[in-house]
Amino acid sequence: MSRIRSLPPLIARHGDLVVERDPQRASGRLLRDDGMDASYVDLADPTHLEFDYLRWLRIVLRATRARRIVHVGGGACALARALAAEDPRGRQEVCEVNPEVLALARAHLGLRRKPGLHVRQADGRAFIATQPDASWDAVVIDAFIAASVPRHLVTVEALTDAARVAPLLLVNVIHDRSARDVRAVAASVATAFPYVWALGARSGNTIVAGQTAPPSLGRITALAAADSSPARLTTPERLAHLTATTPAHRDGED
């Protein structure tokens, strides 16, 4: 979870989108969408990741040596910018569907052209459908409508296409202690990837991961446990047990 901030100064507002200055970090900027924290960047340090789940995603991407990454859902592009700053020779392709988010990110959140970073206004699923087989190292889905991942991004059909273009899939899911959304996403991922595991806390954010090859989880487990907001890893065997009776999402379902 992100730090608690009191009386943050307002920088800009566009409908439900708000940009605030972090009173505890002069160069920190927070994007909020309909009252929810959507993105945070440090204008002075692009490698700083304020949100715990973004640090967990970076741990996994580093551990798996993923350098060519499609980011579905951009916000202020905090993770993509951090990875591009660390590895300008890599490739971060960001698909953000909301043009107002991109406009605010460029006007107030320091989003600029950088080596290794490309940002486009596009639906991530539609972009992935145009990509050649095995053309990316990873697909990261970090997109929401309210507090839920858009259904069309995590159906069997969509995730089968993601597995076609990349051997690693990471999906950020917001959940409560019931973990209903986590189980539903994991069940869908399991139809496309033979190895599915999760990384997260009891509530808040959980990363659901799918891989085409057997994962090496020891280093990820250790690094995630040592994070300033520790995360626990749920093994493929345990997650398969938890999702055994959970139906996968499919296109055409309500």
C-alpha atoms as a PDB file:
ATOM      1  CA  MET A   1       0.000   0.000   0.000  1.00  0.00           C
ATOM      2  CA  SER A   2       1.155   3.570  -0.582  1.00  0.00           C
ATOM      3  CA  ARG A   3       2.103   5.949   2.204  1.00  0.00           C
ATOM      4  CA  ILE A   4      -0.592   8.017   3.908  1.00  0.00           C
ATOM      5  CA  ARG A   5      -0.438  11.632   2.806  1.00  0.00           C
ATOM      6  CA  SER A   6      -2.123  14.534   4.553  1.00  0.00           C
ATOM      7  CA  LEU A   7      -3.468  17.603   2.770  1.00  0.00           C
ATOM      8  CA  PRO A   8      -1.702  17.023  -0.577  1.00  0.00           C
ATOM      9  CA  PRO A   9      -1.479  20.206  -2.695  1.00  0.00           C
ATOM     10  CA  LEU A  10      -3.578  20.019  -5.835  1.00  0.00           C
ATOM     11  CA  ILE A  11      -1.681  20.550  -9.091  1.00  0.00           C
ATOM     12  CA  ALA A  12      -4.292  19.755 -11.744  1.00  0.00           C
ATOM     13  CA  ARG A  13      -7.768  18.310 -12.113  1.00  0.00           C
ATOM     14  CA  HIS A  14      -9.582  16.922 -15.148  1.00  0.00           C
ATOM     15  CA  GLY A  15     -12.897  15.314 -14.287  1.00  0.00           C
ATOM     16  CA  ASP A  16     -12.192  12.369 -11.968  1.00  0.00           C
ATOM     17  CA  LEU A  17      -8.448  12.621 -12.641  1.00  0.00           C
ATOM     18  CA  VAL A  18      -6.398  14.587 -10.125  1.00  0.00           C
ATOM     19  CA  VAL A  19      -2.662  15.294  -9.898  1.00  0.00           C
ATOM     20  CA  GLU A  20      -1.324  16.078  -6.422  1.00  0.00           C
ATOM     21  CA  ARG A  21       2.076  17.001  -5.008  1.00  0.00           C
ATOM     22  CA  ASP A  22       3.407  14.717  -2.284  1.00  0.00           C
ATOM     23  CA  PRO A  23       3.937  16.894   0.828  1.00  0.00           C
ATOM     24  CA  GLN A  24       6.528  14.377   2.088  1.00  0.00           C
ATOM     25  CA  ARG A  25       8.593  14.373  -1.121  1.00  0.00           C
ATOM     26  CA  ALA A  26       9.041  17.629  -3.020  1.00  0.00           C
ATOM     27  CA  SER A  27       9.536  15.893  -6.361  1.00  0.00           C
ATOM     28  CA  GLY A  28       6.781  13.319  -5.826  1.00  0.00           C
ATOM     29  CA  ARG A  29       3.612  13.452  -7.916  1.00  0.00           C
ATOM     30  CA  LEU A  30       0.482  11.366  -7.407  1.00  0.00           C
ATOM     31  CA  LEU A  31      -2.192  10.688 -10.017  1.00  0.00           C
ATOM     32  CA  ARG A  32      -5.597   9.782  -8.592  1.00  0.00           C
ATOM     33  CA  ASP A  33      -8.566   8.488 -10.587  1.00  0.00           C
ATOM     34  CA  ASP A  34     -12.011   8.746  -9.022  1.00  0.00           C
ATOM     35  CA  GLY A  35     -10.489   8.852  -5.544  1.00  0.00           C
ATOM     36  CA  MET A  36      -8.095   5.924  -6.053  1.00  0.00           C
ATOM     37  CA  ASP A  37      -4.300   6.131  -6.254  1.00  0.00           C
ATOM     38  CA  ALA A  38      -3.507   5.382  -9.895  1.00  0.00           C
ATOM     39  CA  SER A  39       0.155   6.272 -10.344  1.00  0.00           C
ATOM     40  CA  TYR A  40       3.076   7.914  -8.546  1.00  0.00           C
ATOM     41  CA  VAL A  41       6.320   9.247  -9.960  1.00  0.00           C
ATOM     42  CA  ASP A  42       9.329  11.025  -8.568  1.00  0.00           C
ATOM     43  CA  LEU A  43      10.295  13.744 -11.030  1.00  0.00           C
ATOM     44  CA  ALA A  44      13.863  13.745  -9.700  1.00  0.00           C
ATOM     45  CA  ASP A  45      14.344   9.962  -9.671  1.00  0.00           C
ATOM     46  CA  PRO A  46      12.593   7.865 -12.339  1.00  0.00           C
ATOM     47  CA  THR A  47      13.816   4.634 -10.713  1.00  0.00           C
ATOM     48  CA  HIS A  48      11.855   5.346  -7.513  1.00  0.00           C
ATOM     49  CA  LEU A  49       8.748   3.166  -7.261  1.00  0.00           C
ATOM     50  CA  GLU A  50       6.471   4.315  -4.460  1.00  0.00           C
ATOM     51  CA  PHE A  51       3.796   1.627  -4.773  1.00  0.00           C
ATOM     52  CA  ASP A  52       4.700  -1.753  -3.336  1.00  0.00           C
ATOM     53  CA  TYR A  53       3.216  -3.804  -6.168  1.00  0.00           C
ATOM     54  CA  LEU A  54       5.353  -1.957  -8.731  1.00  0.00           C
ATOM     55  CA  ARG A  55       8.480  -2.894  -6.801  1.00  0.00           C
ATOM     56  CA  TRP A  56       7.262  -6.508  -6.749  1.00  0.00           C
ATOM     57  CA  LEU A  57       6.724  -6.392 -10.513  1.00  0.00           C
ATOM     58  CA  ARG A  58      10.237  -5.030 -10.982  1.00  0.00           C
ATOM     59  CA  ILE A  59      11.647  -7.823  -8.815  1.00  0.00           C
ATOM     60  CA  VAL A  60      10.027 -10.446 -11.057  1.00  0.00           C
ATOM     61  CA  LEU A  61      11.054  -8.756 -14.293  1.00  0.00           C
ATOM     62  CA  ARG A  62      14.651  -8.407 -13.114  1.00  0.00           C
ATOM     63  CA  ALA A  63      14.784 -11.998 -11.872  1.00  0.00           C
ATOM     64  CA  THR A  64      13.468 -13.340 -15.192  1.00  0.00           C
ATOM     65  CA  ARG A  65      15.704 -10.979 -17.189  1.00  0.00           C
ATOM     66  CA  ALA A  66      12.778  -9.586 -19.144  1.00  0.00           C
ATOM     67  CA  ARG A  67      13.863  -6.572 -21.198  1.00  0.00           C
ATOM     68  CA  ARG A  68      11.236  -6.327 -23.963  1.00  0.00           C
ATOM     69  CA  ILE A  69       7.992  -5.625 -22.141  1.00  0.00           C
ATOM     70  CA  VAL A  70       4.466  -4.657 -23.167  1.00  0.00           C
ATOM     71  CA  HIS A  71       2.707  -2.660 -20.446  1.00  0.00           C
ATOM     72  CA  VAL A  72      -1.085  -2.808 -20.738  1.00  0.00           C
ATOM     73  CA  GLY A  73      -2.296   0.204 -18.779  1.00  0.00           C
ATOM     74  CA  GLY A  74       0.017   3.133 -18.353  1.00  0.00           C
ATOM     75  CA  GLY A  75      -1.076   5.846 -15.971  1.00  0.00           C
ATOM     76  CA  ALA A  76       2.038   7.954 -15.522  1.00  0.00           C
ATOM     77  CA  CYS A  77       4.109   4.975 -16.792  1.00  0.00           C
ATOM     78  CA  ALA A  78       6.041   4.715 -13.512  1.00  0.00           C
ATOM     79  CA  LEU A  79       7.238   1.115 -13.956  1.00  0.00           C
ATOM     80  CA  ALA A  80       8.076   1.497 -17.633  1.00  0.00           C
ATOM     81  CA  ARG A  81      10.001   4.705 -16.934  1.00  0.00           C
ATOM     82  CA  ALA A  82      11.926   3.074 -14.096  1.00  0.00           C
ATOM     83  CA  LEU A  83      12.891   0.106 -16.256  1.00  0.00           C
ATOM     84  CA  ALA A  84      13.868   2.334 -19.181  1.00  0.00           C
ATOM     85  CA  ALA A  85      16.047   4.463 -16.892  1.00  0.00           C
ATOM     86  CA  GLU A  86      17.832   1.339 -15.666  1.00  0.00           C
ATOM     87  CA  ASP A  87      18.123  -0.272 -19.108  1.00  0.00           C
ATOM     88  CA  PRO A  88      17.895   2.218 -21.995  1.00  0.00           C
ATOM     89  CA  ARG A  89      18.723  -0.576 -24.459  1.00  0.00           C
ATOM     90  CA  GLY A  90      15.670  -2.551 -23.408  1.00  0.00           C
ATOM     91  CA  ARG A  91      12.213  -1.904 -24.831  1.00  0.00           C
ATOM     92  CA  GLN A  92       9.200  -0.715 -22.856  1.00  0.00           C
ATOM     93  CA  GLU A  93       6.003  -0.422 -24.910  1.00  0.00           C
ATOM     94  CA  VAL A  94       3.135   1.192 -22.983  1.00  0.00           C
ATOM     95  CA  CYS A  95      -0.497   0.990 -24.106  1.00  0.00           C
ATOM     96  CA  GLU A  96      -2.761   3.462 -22.278  1.00  0.00           C
ATOM     97  CA  VAL A  97      -6.328   3.668 -23.535  1.00  0.00           C
ATOM     98  CA  ASN A  98      -7.270   6.969 -21.860  1.00  0.00           C
ATOM     99  CA  PRO A  99      -5.978  10.062 -23.709  1.00  0.00           C
ATOM    100  CA  GLU A 100      -6.738  12.307 -20.721  1.00  0.00           C
ATOM    101  CA  VAL A 101      -4.418  10.255 -18.524  1.00  0.00           C
ATOM    102  CA  LEU A 102      -1.625  10.611 -21.070  1.00  0.00           C
ATOM    103  CA  ALA A 103      -2.237  14.356 -21.396  1.00  0.00           C
ATOM    104  CA  LEU A 104      -1.940  14.841 -17.625  1.00  0.00           C
ATOM    105  CA  ALA A 105       1.127  12.604 -17.466  1.00  0.00           C
ATOM    106  CA  ARG A 106       2.854  14.682 -20.116  1.00  0.00           C
ATOM    107  CA  ALA A 107       1.786  18.035 -18.679  1.00  0.00           C
ATOM    108  CA  HIS A 108       2.302  17.404 -14.969  1.00  0.00           C
ATOM    109  CA  LEU A 109       3.965  14.032 -14.324  1.00  0.00           C
ATOM    110  CA  GLY A 110       7.152  14.386 -16.327  1.00  0.00           C
ATOM    111  CA  LEU A 111       6.352  11.892 -19.082  1.00  0.00           C
ATOM    112  CA  ARG A 112       8.852  12.513 -21.897  1.00  0.00           C
ATOM    113  CA  ARG A 113      10.424  10.661 -24.784  1.00  0.00           C
ATOM    114  CA  LYS A 114      13.249   8.466 -23.484  1.00  0.00           C
ATOM    115  CA  PRO A 115      15.500   5.800 -24.996  1.00  0.00           C
ATOM    116  CA  GLY A 116      13.861   2.422 -24.632  1.00  0.00           C
ATOM    117  CA  LEU A 117      10.412   3.841 -23.836  1.00  0.00           C
ATOM    118  CA  HIS A 118       7.472   4.170 -26.220  1.00  0.00           C
ATOM    119  CA  VAL A 119       3.999   5.235 -25.096  1.00  0.00           C
ATOM    120  CA  ARG A 120       0.928   4.942 -27.284  1.00  0.00           C
ATOM    121  CA  GLN A 121      -2.787   5.566 -26.837  1.00  0.00           C
ATOM    122  CA  ALA A 122      -4.150   2.102 -27.546  1.00  0.00           C
ATOM    123  CA  ASP A 123      -6.071  -0.816 -26.133  1.00  0.00           C
ATOM    124  CA  GLY A 124      -3.459  -3.280 -24.935  1.00  0.00           C
ATOM    125  CA  ARG A 125      -5.295  -6.382 -26.114  1.00  0.00           C
ATOM    126  CA  ALA A 126      -5.690  -4.950 -29.614  1.00  0.00           C
ATOM    127  CA  PHE A 127      -1.977  -4.095 -29.720  1.00  0.00           C
ATOM    128  CA  ILE A 128      -0.921  -7.566 -28.589  1.00  0.00           C
ATOM    129  CA  ALA A 129      -3.094  -9.099 -31.313  1.00  0.00           C
ATOM    130  CA  THR A 130      -0.907  -7.386 -33.941  1.00  0.00           C
ATOM    131  CA  GLN A 131       2.409  -8.671 -32.548  1.00  0.00           C
ATOM    132  CA  PRO A 132       4.440 -11.550 -33.984  1.00  0.00           C
ATOM    133  CA  ASP A 133       4.875 -14.785 -32.042  1.00  0.00           C
ATOM    134  CA  ALA A 134       7.536 -14.677 -29.283  1.00  0.00           C
ATOM    135  CA  SER A 135       8.293 -11.014 -29.984  1.00  0.00           C
ATOM    136  CA  TRP A 136       8.306  -9.904 -26.309  1.00  0.00           C
ATOM    137  CA  ASP A 137       9.805 -11.113 -23.047  1.00  0.00           C
ATOM    138  CA  ALA A 138       6.834 -10.196 -20.866  1.00  0.00           C
ATOM    139  CA  VAL A 139       3.361  -8.697 -20.816  1.00  0.00           C
ATOM    140  CA  VAL A 140       2.377  -6.663 -17.743  1.00  0.00           C
ATOM    141  CA  ILE A 141      -1.330  -5.902 -17.240  1.00  0.00           C
ATOM    142  CA  ASP A 142      -1.890  -3.035 -14.802  1.00  0.00           C
ATOM    143  CA  ALA A 143      -5.218  -1.585 -15.914  1.00  0.00           C
ATOM    144  CA  PHE A 144      -8.432  -0.977 -14.020  1.00  0.00           C
ATOM    145  CA  ILE A 145     -12.037   0.091 -14.270  1.00  0.00           C
ATOM    146  CA  ALA A 146     -12.795   1.176 -10.712  1.00  0.00           C
ATOM    147  CA  ALA A 147     -11.002  -1.551  -8.694  1.00  0.00           C
ATOM    148  CA  SER A 148     -11.279  -4.386 -11.234  1.00  0.00           C
ATOM    149  CA  VAL A 149      -9.106  -5.451 -14.141  1.00  0.00           C
ATOM    150  CA  PRO A 150     -11.123  -4.921 -17.355  1.00  0.00           C
ATOM    151  CA  ARG A 151     -12.679  -8.299 -18.140  1.00  0.00           C
ATOM    152  CA  HIS A 152     -11.688  -8.296 -21.825  1.00  0.00           C
ATOM    153  CA  LEU A 153      -8.001  -8.191 -20.866  1.00  0.00           C
ATOM    154  CA  VAL A 154      -8.099 -11.385 -18.783  1.00  0.00           C
ATOM    155  CA  THR A 155     -10.310 -13.772 -20.742  1.00  0.00           C
ATOM    156  CA  VAL A 156      -9.059 -17.132 -21.963  1.00  0.00           C
ATOM    157  CA  GLU A 157      -8.883 -15.751 -25.481  1.00  0.00           C
ATOM    158  CA  ALA A 158      -6.942 -12.625 -24.511  1.00  0.00           C
ATOM    159  CA  LEU A 159      -4.463 -14.512 -22.347  1.00  0.00           C
ATOM    160  CA  THR A 160      -3.906 -17.183 -24.987  1.00  0.00           C
ATOM    161  CA  ASP A 161      -2.818 -14.374 -27.290  1.00  0.00           C
ATOM    162  CA  ALA A 162      -0.542 -12.965 -24.585  1.00  0.00           C
ATOM    163  CA  ALA A 163       1.103 -16.389 -24.215  1.00  0.00           C
ATOM    164  CA  ARG A 164       1.659 -16.430 -27.967  1.00  0.00           C
ATOM    165  CA  VAL A 165       3.770 -13.257 -27.871  1.00  0.00           C
ATOM    166  CA  ALA A 166       5.569 -13.573 -24.496  1.00  0.00           C
ATOM    167  CA  PRO A 167       6.632 -16.369 -22.113  1.00  0.00           C
ATOM    168  CA  LEU A 168       5.811 -14.321 -19.000  1.00  0.00           C
ATOM    169  CA  LEU A 169       2.566 -12.618 -17.989  1.00  0.00           C
ATOM    170  CA  LEU A 170       2.103 -10.464 -14.887  1.00  0.00           C
ATOM    171  CA  VAL A 171      -1.340  -9.161 -13.878  1.00  0.00           C
ATOM    172  CA  ASN A 172      -1.876  -6.687 -11.027  1.00  0.00           C
ATOM    173  CA  VAL A 173      -5.094  -7.502  -9.169  1.00  0.00           C
ATOM    174  CA  ILE A 174      -6.663  -5.525  -6.322  1.00  0.00           C
ATOM    175  CA  HIS A 175      -8.403  -7.774  -3.840  1.00  0.00           C
ATOM    176  CA  ASP A 176      -9.784  -8.145  -0.343  1.00  0.00           C
ATOM    177  CA  ARG A 177      -9.256 -11.061   2.035  1.00  0.00           C
ATOM    178  CA  SER A 178     -11.675 -13.234   0.048  1.00  0.00           C
ATOM    179  CA  ALA A 179      -9.273 -13.069  -2.944  1.00  0.00           C
ATOM    180  CA  ARG A 180     -12.176 -13.710  -5.333  1.00  0.00           C
ATOM    181  CA  ASP A 181     -10.723 -11.584  -8.140  1.00  0.00           C
ATOM    182  CA  VAL A 182      -7.299 -13.150  -7.675  1.00  0.00           C
ATOM    183  CA  ARG A 183      -8.740 -16.649  -8.051  1.00  0.00           C
ATOM    184  CA  ALA A 184     -10.748 -15.672 -11.132  1.00  0.00           C
ATOM    185  CA  VAL A 185      -7.750 -14.097 -12.870  1.00  0.00           C
ATOM    186  CA  ALA A 186      -5.486 -16.994 -11.893  1.00  0.00           C
ATOM    187  CA  ALA A 187      -7.981 -19.521 -13.255  1.00  0.00           C
ATOM    188  CA  SER A 188      -8.030 -17.659 -16.560  1.00  0.00           C
ATOM    189  CA  VAL A 189      -4.226 -17.368 -16.711  1.00  0.00           C
ATOM    190  CA  ALA A 190      -3.949 -21.122 -16.079  1.00  0.00           C
ATOM    191  CA  THR A 191      -5.767 -21.864 -19.337  1.00  0.00           C
ATOM    192  CA  ALA A 192      -2.965 -20.174 -21.293  1.00  0.00           C
ATOM    193  CA  PHE A 193       0.169 -20.707 -19.173  1.00  0.00           C
ATOM    194  CA  PRO A 194       1.200 -24.051 -17.646  1.00  0.00           C
ATOM    195  CA  TYR A 195       2.832 -22.444 -14.593  1.00  0.00           C
ATOM    196  CA  VAL A 196       0.811 -19.931 -12.545  1.00  0.00           C
ATOM    197  CA  TRP A 197       1.799 -18.418  -9.207  1.00  0.00           C
ATOM    198  CA  ALA A 198       1.113 -15.248  -7.234  1.00  0.00           C
ATOM    199  CA  LEU A 199       2.936 -12.629  -5.215  1.00  0.00           C
ATOM    200  CA  GLY A 200       1.230 -10.289  -2.785  1.00  0.00           C
ATOM    201  CA  ALA A 201      -0.098  -9.437   0.640  1.00  0.00           C
ATOM    202  CA  ARG A 202      -3.244 -10.544   2.445  1.00  0.00           C
ATOM    203  CA  SER A 203      -5.126  -7.570   1.047  1.00  0.00           C
ATOM    204  CA  GLY A 204      -4.385  -4.777  -1.399  1.00  0.00           C
ATOM    205  CA  ASN A 205      -2.442  -5.853  -4.486  1.00  0.00           C
ATOM    206  CA  THR A 206      -1.540  -9.303  -5.738  1.00  0.00           C
ATOM    207  CA  ILE A 207       0.538 -10.072  -8.807  1.00  0.00           C
ATOM    208  CA  VAL A 208      -0.745 -13.112 -10.696  1.00  0.00           C
ATOM    209  CA  ALA A 209       2.029 -14.557 -12.859  1.00  0.00           C
ATOM    210  CA  GLY A 210       1.878 -16.998 -15.748  1.00  0.00           C
ATOM    211  CA  GLN A 211       4.937 -18.600 -17.342  1.00  0.00           C
ATOM    212  CA  THR A 212       5.445 -21.005 -20.222  1.00  0.00           C
ATOM    213  CA  ALA A 213       8.602 -22.479 -18.645  1.00  0.00           C
ATOM    214  CA  PRO A 214       9.116 -23.822 -15.116  1.00  0.00           C
ATOM    215  CA  PRO A 215       9.719 -20.797 -12.856  1.00  0.00           C
ATOM    216  CA  SER A 216      12.735 -20.320 -10.596  1.00  0.00           C
ATOM    217  CA  LEU A 217      11.014 -18.841  -7.572  1.00  0.00           C
ATOM    218  CA  GLY A 218      13.686 -18.949  -4.860  1.00  0.00           C
ATOM    219  CA  ARG A 219      15.277 -15.578  -5.628  1.00  0.00           C
ATOM    220  CA  ILE A 220      11.921 -13.916  -6.219  1.00  0.00           C
ATOM    221  CA  THR A 221      10.644 -15.206  -2.882  1.00  0.00           C
ATOM    222  CA  ALA A 222      13.691 -13.863  -1.029  1.00  0.00           C
ATOM    223  CA  LEU A 223      13.696 -10.443  -2.694  1.00  0.00           C
ATOM    224  CA  ALA A 224       9.943  -9.953  -2.262  1.00  0.00           C
ATOM    225  CA  ALA A 225      10.137 -10.909   1.401  1.00  0.00           C
ATOM    226  CA  ALA A 226      12.908  -8.329   1.891  1.00  0.00           C
ATOM    227  CA  ASP A 227      10.984  -5.460   0.278  1.00  0.00           C
ATOM    228  CA  SER A 228       9.935  -2.552   2.490  1.00  0.00           C
ATOM    229  CA  SER A 229       6.395  -3.912   2.002  1.00  0.00           C
ATOM    230  CA  PRO A 230       7.051  -7.664   2.091  1.00  0.00           C
ATOM    231  CA  ALA A 231       5.135  -9.922  -0.277  1.00  0.00           C
ATOM    232  CA  ARG A 232       4.478 -13.636   0.047  1.00  0.00           C
ATOM    233  CA  LEU A 233       4.688 -16.033  -2.866  1.00  0.00           C
ATOM    234  CA  THR A 234       1.919 -18.536  -3.543  1.00  0.00           C
ATOM    235  CA  THR A 235       3.372 -21.536  -5.348  1.00  0.00           C
ATOM    236  CA  PRO A 236       1.869 -23.008  -8.523  1.00  0.00           C
ATOM    237  CA  GLU A 237       0.715 -26.064  -6.583  1.00  0.00           C
ATOM    238  CA  ARG A 238      -1.033 -24.019  -3.904  1.00  0.00           C
ATOM    239  CA  LEU A 239      -2.621 -21.664  -6.417  1.00  0.00           C
ATOM    240  CA  ALA A 240      -3.891 -24.583  -8.510  1.00  0.00           C
ATOM    241  CA  HIS A 241      -5.573 -25.966  -5.391  1.00  0.00           C
ATOM    242  CA  LEU A 242      -7.164 -22.587  -4.582  1.00  0.00           C
ATOM    243  CA  THR A 243      -8.548 -22.146  -8.116  1.00  0.00           C
ATOM    244  CA  ALA A 244      -9.609 -25.750  -8.781  1.00  0.00           C
ATOM    245  CA  THR A 245     -13.319 -24.913  -8.784  1.00  0.00           C
ATOM    246  CA  THR A 246     -13.070 -21.343 -10.128  1.00  0.00           C
ATOM    247  CA  PRO A 247     -14.297 -20.818 -13.707  1.00  0.00           C
ATOM    248  CA  ALA A 248     -12.120 -18.906 -16.154  1.00  0.00           C
ATOM    249  CA  HIS A 249     -13.304 -15.709 -17.831  1.00  0.00           C
ATOM    250  CA  ARG A 250     -14.260 -16.086 -21.481  1.00  0.00           C
ATOM    251  CA  ASP A 251     -15.179 -13.664 -24.233  1.00  0.00           C
ATOM    252  CA  GLY A 252     -18.899 -13.068 -24.518  1.00  0.00           C
ATOM    253  CA  GLU A 253     -19.643 -13.626 -20.832  1.00  0.00           C
ATOM    254  CA  ASP A 254     -21.184 -10.889 -18.681  1.00  0.00           C
END
